[in-house]
N, C-alpha and C. Protein backbone atom coordinates (compact mmCIF):
# COMPACT_ATOMS: atom_id res chain seq x y z
N UNK A 1 20.18 6.19 4.10
CA UNK A 1 19.82 6.82 5.33
C UNK A 1 20.99 7.72 5.73
N UNK A 2 20.65 8.92 6.15
CA UNK A 2 21.70 9.87 6.51
C UNK A 2 21.50 10.31 7.96
N UNK A 3 22.58 10.29 8.71
CA UNK A 3 22.59 10.85 10.05
C UNK A 3 23.55 12.03 10.03
N UNK A 4 23.75 12.66 11.15
CA UNK A 4 24.63 13.82 11.19
C UNK A 4 26.08 13.47 10.87
N UNK A 5 26.45 12.19 11.08
CA UNK A 5 27.84 11.83 10.86
C UNK A 5 28.07 10.71 9.85
N UNK A 6 27.00 10.18 9.26
CA UNK A 6 27.16 9.00 8.42
C UNK A 6 26.06 8.94 7.35
N UNK A 7 26.40 8.36 6.23
CA UNK A 7 25.42 8.06 5.19
C UNK A 7 25.50 6.58 4.90
N UNK A 8 24.37 5.89 4.94
CA UNK A 8 24.32 4.46 4.67
C UNK A 8 23.37 4.19 3.52
N UNK A 9 23.69 3.21 2.72
CA UNK A 9 22.86 2.82 1.60
C UNK A 9 22.35 1.40 1.83
N UNK A 10 21.12 1.15 1.42
CA UNK A 10 20.50 -0.15 1.62
C UNK A 10 19.97 -0.65 0.29
N UNK A 11 19.96 -1.97 0.13
CA UNK A 11 19.51 -2.58 -1.12
C UNK A 11 18.01 -2.53 -1.30
N UNK A 12 17.27 -2.33 -0.20
CA UNK A 12 15.81 -2.32 -0.30
C UNK A 12 15.21 -1.54 0.86
N UNK A 13 13.93 -1.23 0.72
CA UNK A 13 13.20 -0.59 1.81
C UNK A 13 13.12 -1.54 3.00
N UNK A 14 12.94 -2.83 2.74
CA UNK A 14 12.91 -3.82 3.81
C UNK A 14 14.20 -3.77 4.64
N UNK A 15 15.34 -3.71 3.98
CA UNK A 15 16.62 -3.67 4.67
C UNK A 15 16.78 -2.38 5.48
N UNK A 16 16.34 -1.27 4.94
CA UNK A 16 16.40 0.01 5.66
C UNK A 16 15.55 -0.05 6.92
N UNK A 17 14.32 -0.55 6.80
CA UNK A 17 13.44 -0.62 7.96
C UNK A 17 14.01 -1.54 9.03
N UNK A 18 14.53 -2.70 8.62
CA UNK A 18 15.11 -3.63 9.59
C UNK A 18 16.27 -2.96 10.33
N UNK A 19 17.10 -2.22 9.61
CA UNK A 19 18.21 -1.51 10.26
C UNK A 19 17.70 -0.43 11.21
N UNK A 20 16.69 0.32 10.77
CA UNK A 20 16.20 1.46 11.54
C UNK A 20 15.47 1.05 12.82
N UNK A 21 14.66 -0.02 12.76
CA UNK A 21 13.87 -0.38 13.94
C UNK A 21 14.28 -1.70 14.57
N UNK A 22 15.19 -2.42 13.94
CA UNK A 22 15.71 -3.64 14.53
C UNK A 22 14.93 -4.90 14.26
N UNK A 23 13.90 -4.81 13.45
CA UNK A 23 13.11 -5.98 13.10
C UNK A 23 12.49 -5.78 11.72
N UNK A 24 12.00 -6.86 11.15
CA UNK A 24 11.38 -6.76 9.83
C UNK A 24 9.91 -6.39 9.95
N UNK A 25 9.42 -5.64 8.97
CA UNK A 25 8.00 -5.35 8.81
C UNK A 25 7.59 -5.86 7.43
N UNK A 26 6.36 -6.30 7.30
CA UNK A 26 5.89 -6.75 5.98
C UNK A 26 5.55 -5.54 5.11
N UNK A 27 6.55 -4.93 4.51
CA UNK A 27 6.38 -3.65 3.82
C UNK A 27 5.32 -3.71 2.72
N UNK A 28 5.39 -4.70 1.85
CA UNK A 28 4.40 -4.80 0.76
C UNK A 28 3.00 -4.94 1.34
N UNK A 29 2.87 -5.75 2.39
CA UNK A 29 1.57 -5.94 3.02
C UNK A 29 1.12 -4.66 3.73
N UNK A 30 2.05 -3.93 4.30
CA UNK A 30 1.72 -2.67 4.95
C UNK A 30 1.06 -1.70 3.97
N UNK A 31 1.58 -1.63 2.76
CA UNK A 31 0.95 -0.77 1.76
C UNK A 31 -0.45 -1.24 1.41
N UNK A 32 -0.68 -2.55 1.40
CA UNK A 32 -2.02 -3.08 1.16
C UNK A 32 -2.95 -2.67 2.31
N UNK A 33 -2.47 -2.78 3.55
CA UNK A 33 -3.28 -2.37 4.69
C UNK A 33 -3.63 -0.89 4.60
N UNK A 34 -2.68 -0.07 4.18
CA UNK A 34 -2.95 1.36 4.03
C UNK A 34 -4.05 1.62 3.00
N UNK A 35 -4.14 0.74 2.01
CA UNK A 35 -5.17 0.86 0.98
C UNK A 35 -6.49 0.20 1.40
N UNK A 36 -6.53 -0.36 2.62
CA UNK A 36 -7.74 -0.98 3.12
C UNK A 36 -7.90 -2.44 2.75
N UNK A 37 -6.88 -3.05 2.19
CA UNK A 37 -6.92 -4.45 1.80
C UNK A 37 -6.39 -5.31 2.93
N UNK A 38 -7.15 -6.29 3.35
CA UNK A 38 -6.74 -7.15 4.46
C UNK A 38 -5.88 -8.30 3.96
N UNK A 39 -4.72 -7.96 3.48
CA UNK A 39 -3.77 -8.94 2.95
C UNK A 39 -3.06 -9.64 4.11
N UNK A 40 -2.83 -10.93 3.96
CA UNK A 40 -2.18 -11.71 5.02
C UNK A 40 -0.67 -11.54 4.96
N UNK A 41 -0.05 -11.59 6.12
CA UNK A 41 1.41 -11.59 6.25
C UNK A 41 1.75 -12.61 7.33
N UNK A 42 2.71 -13.46 7.06
CA UNK A 42 3.08 -14.52 8.01
C UNK A 42 3.43 -13.95 9.38
N UNK A 43 2.75 -14.44 10.39
CA UNK A 43 3.02 -14.01 11.76
C UNK A 43 2.31 -12.74 12.19
N UNK A 44 1.61 -12.09 11.27
CA UNK A 44 0.95 -10.82 11.56
C UNK A 44 -0.57 -10.95 11.45
N UNK A 45 -1.29 -10.18 12.25
CA UNK A 45 -2.73 -10.06 12.15
C UNK A 45 -3.08 -8.58 12.16
N UNK A 46 -3.71 -8.13 11.09
CA UNK A 46 -4.08 -6.71 10.99
C UNK A 46 -5.55 -6.53 11.33
N UNK A 47 -5.85 -5.44 12.03
CA UNK A 47 -7.22 -5.05 12.33
C UNK A 47 -7.50 -3.79 11.52
N UNK A 48 -8.29 -3.95 10.47
CA UNK A 48 -8.63 -2.82 9.60
C UNK A 48 -10.03 -2.29 9.89
N UNK A 49 -10.63 -2.69 11.01
CA UNK A 49 -12.00 -2.30 11.31
C UNK A 49 -12.15 -0.78 11.47
N UNK A 50 -11.07 -0.07 11.77
CA UNK A 50 -11.13 1.39 11.92
C UNK A 50 -10.44 2.11 10.77
N UNK A 51 -10.19 1.39 9.68
CA UNK A 51 -9.50 1.98 8.52
C UNK A 51 -10.21 3.24 8.00
N UNK A 52 -11.52 3.20 7.95
CA UNK A 52 -12.28 4.37 7.46
C UNK A 52 -12.08 5.59 8.34
N UNK A 53 -11.72 5.38 9.59
CA UNK A 53 -11.43 6.48 10.53
C UNK A 53 -9.95 6.81 10.57
N UNK A 54 -9.16 6.16 9.70
CA UNK A 54 -7.74 6.47 9.61
C UNK A 54 -6.89 5.76 10.65
N UNK A 55 -7.36 4.61 11.14
CA UNK A 55 -6.60 3.89 12.16
C UNK A 55 -6.42 2.43 11.75
N UNK A 56 -5.20 1.96 11.87
CA UNK A 56 -4.86 0.58 11.57
C UNK A 56 -3.98 0.06 12.70
N UNK A 57 -4.28 -1.14 13.16
CA UNK A 57 -3.40 -1.80 14.12
C UNK A 57 -3.04 -3.17 13.57
N UNK A 58 -1.88 -3.62 13.91
CA UNK A 58 -1.44 -4.95 13.51
C UNK A 58 -0.56 -5.51 14.61
N UNK A 59 -0.73 -6.80 14.88
CA UNK A 59 0.08 -7.47 15.89
C UNK A 59 0.89 -8.57 15.23
N UNK A 60 2.13 -8.67 15.66
CA UNK A 60 2.99 -9.77 15.21
C UNK A 60 3.10 -10.77 16.36
N UNK A 61 2.74 -12.03 16.05
CA UNK A 61 2.84 -13.08 17.06
C UNK A 61 4.11 -13.92 16.89
N UNK A 62 4.64 -13.92 15.68
CA UNK A 62 5.90 -14.64 15.43
C UNK A 62 6.60 -14.00 14.26
N UNK A 63 7.91 -13.98 14.26
CA UNK A 63 8.80 -14.52 15.28
C UNK A 63 8.85 -13.61 16.51
N UNK A 64 9.37 -14.15 17.60
CA UNK A 64 9.54 -13.37 18.82
C UNK A 64 10.60 -12.31 18.60
N UNK A 65 10.52 -11.20 19.27
CA UNK A 65 9.48 -10.85 20.22
C UNK A 65 8.21 -10.39 19.50
N UNK A 66 7.11 -10.45 20.20
CA UNK A 66 5.86 -9.95 19.63
C UNK A 66 5.98 -8.45 19.43
N UNK A 67 5.13 -7.93 18.57
CA UNK A 67 5.17 -6.49 18.29
C UNK A 67 3.77 -6.01 17.96
N UNK A 68 3.52 -4.74 18.19
CA UNK A 68 2.26 -4.12 17.81
C UNK A 68 2.57 -2.86 17.01
N UNK A 69 1.89 -2.74 15.91
CA UNK A 69 2.05 -1.58 15.04
C UNK A 69 0.73 -0.82 15.05
N UNK A 70 0.78 0.46 15.36
CA UNK A 70 -0.41 1.32 15.36
C UNK A 70 -0.17 2.48 14.42
N UNK A 71 -1.07 2.63 13.48
CA UNK A 71 -0.96 3.72 12.51
C UNK A 71 -2.18 4.63 12.62
N UNK A 72 -1.94 5.92 12.60
CA UNK A 72 -3.00 6.91 12.57
C UNK A 72 -2.74 7.78 11.35
N UNK A 73 -3.70 7.77 10.44
CA UNK A 73 -3.58 8.51 9.19
C UNK A 73 -4.38 9.79 9.28
N UNK A 74 -3.77 10.88 8.85
CA UNK A 74 -4.43 12.18 8.86
C UNK A 74 -4.42 12.75 7.47
N UNK A 75 -5.44 13.53 7.17
CA UNK A 75 -5.50 14.21 5.86
C UNK A 75 -4.57 15.39 5.82
């Protein structure tokens, strides 16, 4: 990751995301959700009912704090 004053290297995409947003995301599962697969992730519930319209939502109930992820896909 590069900012105007620093370059940082991370061992994985998971580590980069955790650093960038301050919490973990189920990255492998996120790619499954993008493909329309309702794969389970511990603590997360995905709503793929609008996937065909390019919309995905997912809520994290644990660990705290709770989180909501909303994705809008465009062509």
